[in-house]
Amino acid sequence: MIRLKNKVIDYYKKHSIGITITIVCVLSGWFIINGLMQTPAINANRKAEEETRAKIEEEKERQKEIDNLTTKVNTDEYIERIASEKLGLVKSNATIFYDVSGDK
């Protein structure tokens, strides 16, 4: 057993540079292959990120529109206009004109 151990140590001492280079090459190749295998996933994630950013921008614009509409809806003029158009309500001092001509 000791002779085998000594033979392994002697072999390593004689070929240490070659063994080191082989190990470095194998590890480098493994890292490169793993990196290349992950490229499609990286690209898919980038595309998903771009789509998400676009959706965020759309939602920000939509939120601005909703805020503007909320501000507009809370005004008396808007409330009066909707009450008149949708509900047929008028102010108590308003003058009402009826079209009796029959033309549409």
Protein backbone atom coordinates (compact mmCIF):
# COMPACT_ATOMS: atom_id res chain seq x y z
CA MET A 1 0.00 0.00 0.00
CA ILE A 2 2.82 2.38 0.83
CA ARG A 3 4.53 1.58 -2.47
CA LEU A 4 1.36 2.51 -4.36
CA LYS A 5 1.08 5.76 -2.45
CA ASN A 6 4.70 6.58 -3.22
CA LYS A 7 4.16 5.78 -6.92
CA VAL A 8 1.14 8.13 -7.04
CA ILE A 9 3.11 10.90 -5.34
CA ASP A 10 6.05 10.43 -7.72
CA TYR A 11 3.70 10.43 -10.73
CA TYR A 12 2.04 13.62 -9.53
CA LYS A 13 5.41 15.32 -8.96
CA LYS A 14 6.56 14.44 -12.48
CA HIS A 15 3.29 15.39 -14.19
CA SER A 16 1.90 18.11 -11.90
CA ILE A 17 1.88 20.82 -14.58
CA GLY A 18 0.05 18.57 -17.04
CA ILE A 19 -2.48 17.51 -14.44
CA THR A 20 -3.08 21.11 -13.40
CA ILE A 21 -3.55 22.22 -17.01
CA THR A 22 -5.95 19.34 -17.63
CA ILE A 23 -8.01 20.21 -14.57
CA VAL A 24 -8.13 23.90 -15.54
CA CYS A 25 -9.18 23.03 -19.12
CA VAL A 26 -11.91 20.64 -17.96
CA LEU A 27 -13.30 23.16 -15.47
CA SER A 28 -13.15 25.98 -18.03
CA GLY A 29 -14.99 23.86 -20.57
CA TRP A 30 -17.62 22.95 -18.01
CA PHE A 31 -18.20 26.62 -17.13
CA ILE A 32 -18.43 27.62 -20.79
CA ILE A 33 -20.90 24.84 -21.61
CA ASN A 34 -23.06 25.71 -18.60
CA GLY A 35 -23.01 29.37 -19.61
CA LEU A 36 -24.07 28.55 -23.15
CA MET A 37 -26.84 26.28 -21.93
CA GLN A 38 -28.28 29.11 -19.84
CA THR A 39 -28.29 31.63 -22.70
CA PRO A 40 -31.86 30.81 -23.87
CA ALA A 41 -33.19 31.19 -20.33
CA ILE A 42 -31.38 34.52 -19.95
CA ASN A 43 -32.84 35.78 -23.22
CA ALA A 44 -36.34 34.66 -22.22
CA ASN A 45 -36.00 36.47 -18.89
CA ARG A 46 -34.85 39.64 -20.64
CA LYS A 47 -37.84 39.49 -22.99
CA ALA A 48 -40.19 38.96 -20.05
CA GLU A 49 -38.58 41.89 -18.25
CA GLU A 50 -39.09 44.16 -21.28
CA GLU A 51 -42.75 43.08 -21.54
CA THR A 52 -43.26 43.73 -17.84
CA ARG A 53 -41.69 47.18 -18.13
CA ALA A 54 -44.00 47.96 -21.06
CA LYS A 55 -47.03 46.83 -19.03
CA ILE A 56 -45.89 49.01 -16.12
CA GLU A 57 -45.70 52.05 -18.42
CA GLU A 58 -49.18 51.28 -19.81
CA GLU A 59 -50.57 50.98 -16.31
CA LYS A 60 -48.94 54.27 -15.29
CA GLU A 61 -50.63 55.99 -18.25
CA ARG A 62 -53.92 54.34 -17.35
CA GLN A 63 -53.53 55.49 -13.75
CA LYS A 64 -52.95 59.06 -14.94
CA GLU A 65 -56.13 58.88 -17.02
CA ILE A 66 -58.07 57.53 -14.04
CA ASP A 67 -56.70 60.30 -11.80
CA ASN A 68 -57.68 62.93 -14.37
CA LEU A 69 -61.15 61.44 -14.72
CA THR A 70 -61.54 61.28 -10.94
CA THR A 71 -60.67 64.95 -10.68
CA LYS A 72 -63.10 65.75 -13.49
CA VAL A 73 -65.92 63.64 -12.04
CA ASN A 74 -65.76 65.43 -8.69
CA THR A 75 -66.60 68.82 -10.24
CA ASP A 76 -70.10 70.29 -10.02
CA GLU A 77 -70.20 70.94 -13.78
CA TYR A 78 -69.67 67.26 -14.57
CA ILE A 79 -72.27 66.14 -12.03
CA GLU A 80 -74.83 68.59 -13.49
CA ARG A 81 -74.10 67.48 -17.05
CA ILE A 82 -74.46 63.78 -16.22
CA ALA A 83 -77.64 64.44 -14.22
CA SER A 84 -79.07 66.30 -17.20
CA GLU A 85 -77.98 63.87 -19.91
CA LYS A 86 -78.46 60.51 -18.21
CA LEU A 87 -81.20 61.17 -15.70
CA GLY A 88 -83.13 63.98 -17.41
CA LEU A 89 -82.83 66.21 -14.35
CA VAL A 90 -82.74 69.99 -14.59
CA LYS A 91 -82.17 72.83 -12.15
CA SER A 92 -85.26 74.31 -10.55
CA ASN A 93 -84.72 77.70 -12.22
CA ALA A 94 -83.84 76.33 -15.67
CA THR A 95 -85.91 77.18 -18.75
CA ILE A 96 -86.97 74.12 -20.72
CA PHE A 97 -87.67 74.23 -24.46
CA TYR A 98 -89.57 71.47 -26.23
CA ASP A 99 -89.13 70.77 -29.93
CA VAL A 100 -92.64 70.36 -31.32
CA SER A 101 -91.69 70.48 -34.98
CA GLY A 102 -91.58 66.70 -35.23
CA ASP A 103 -88.30 66.70 -37.18
CA LYS A 104 -85.55 64.59 -35.84
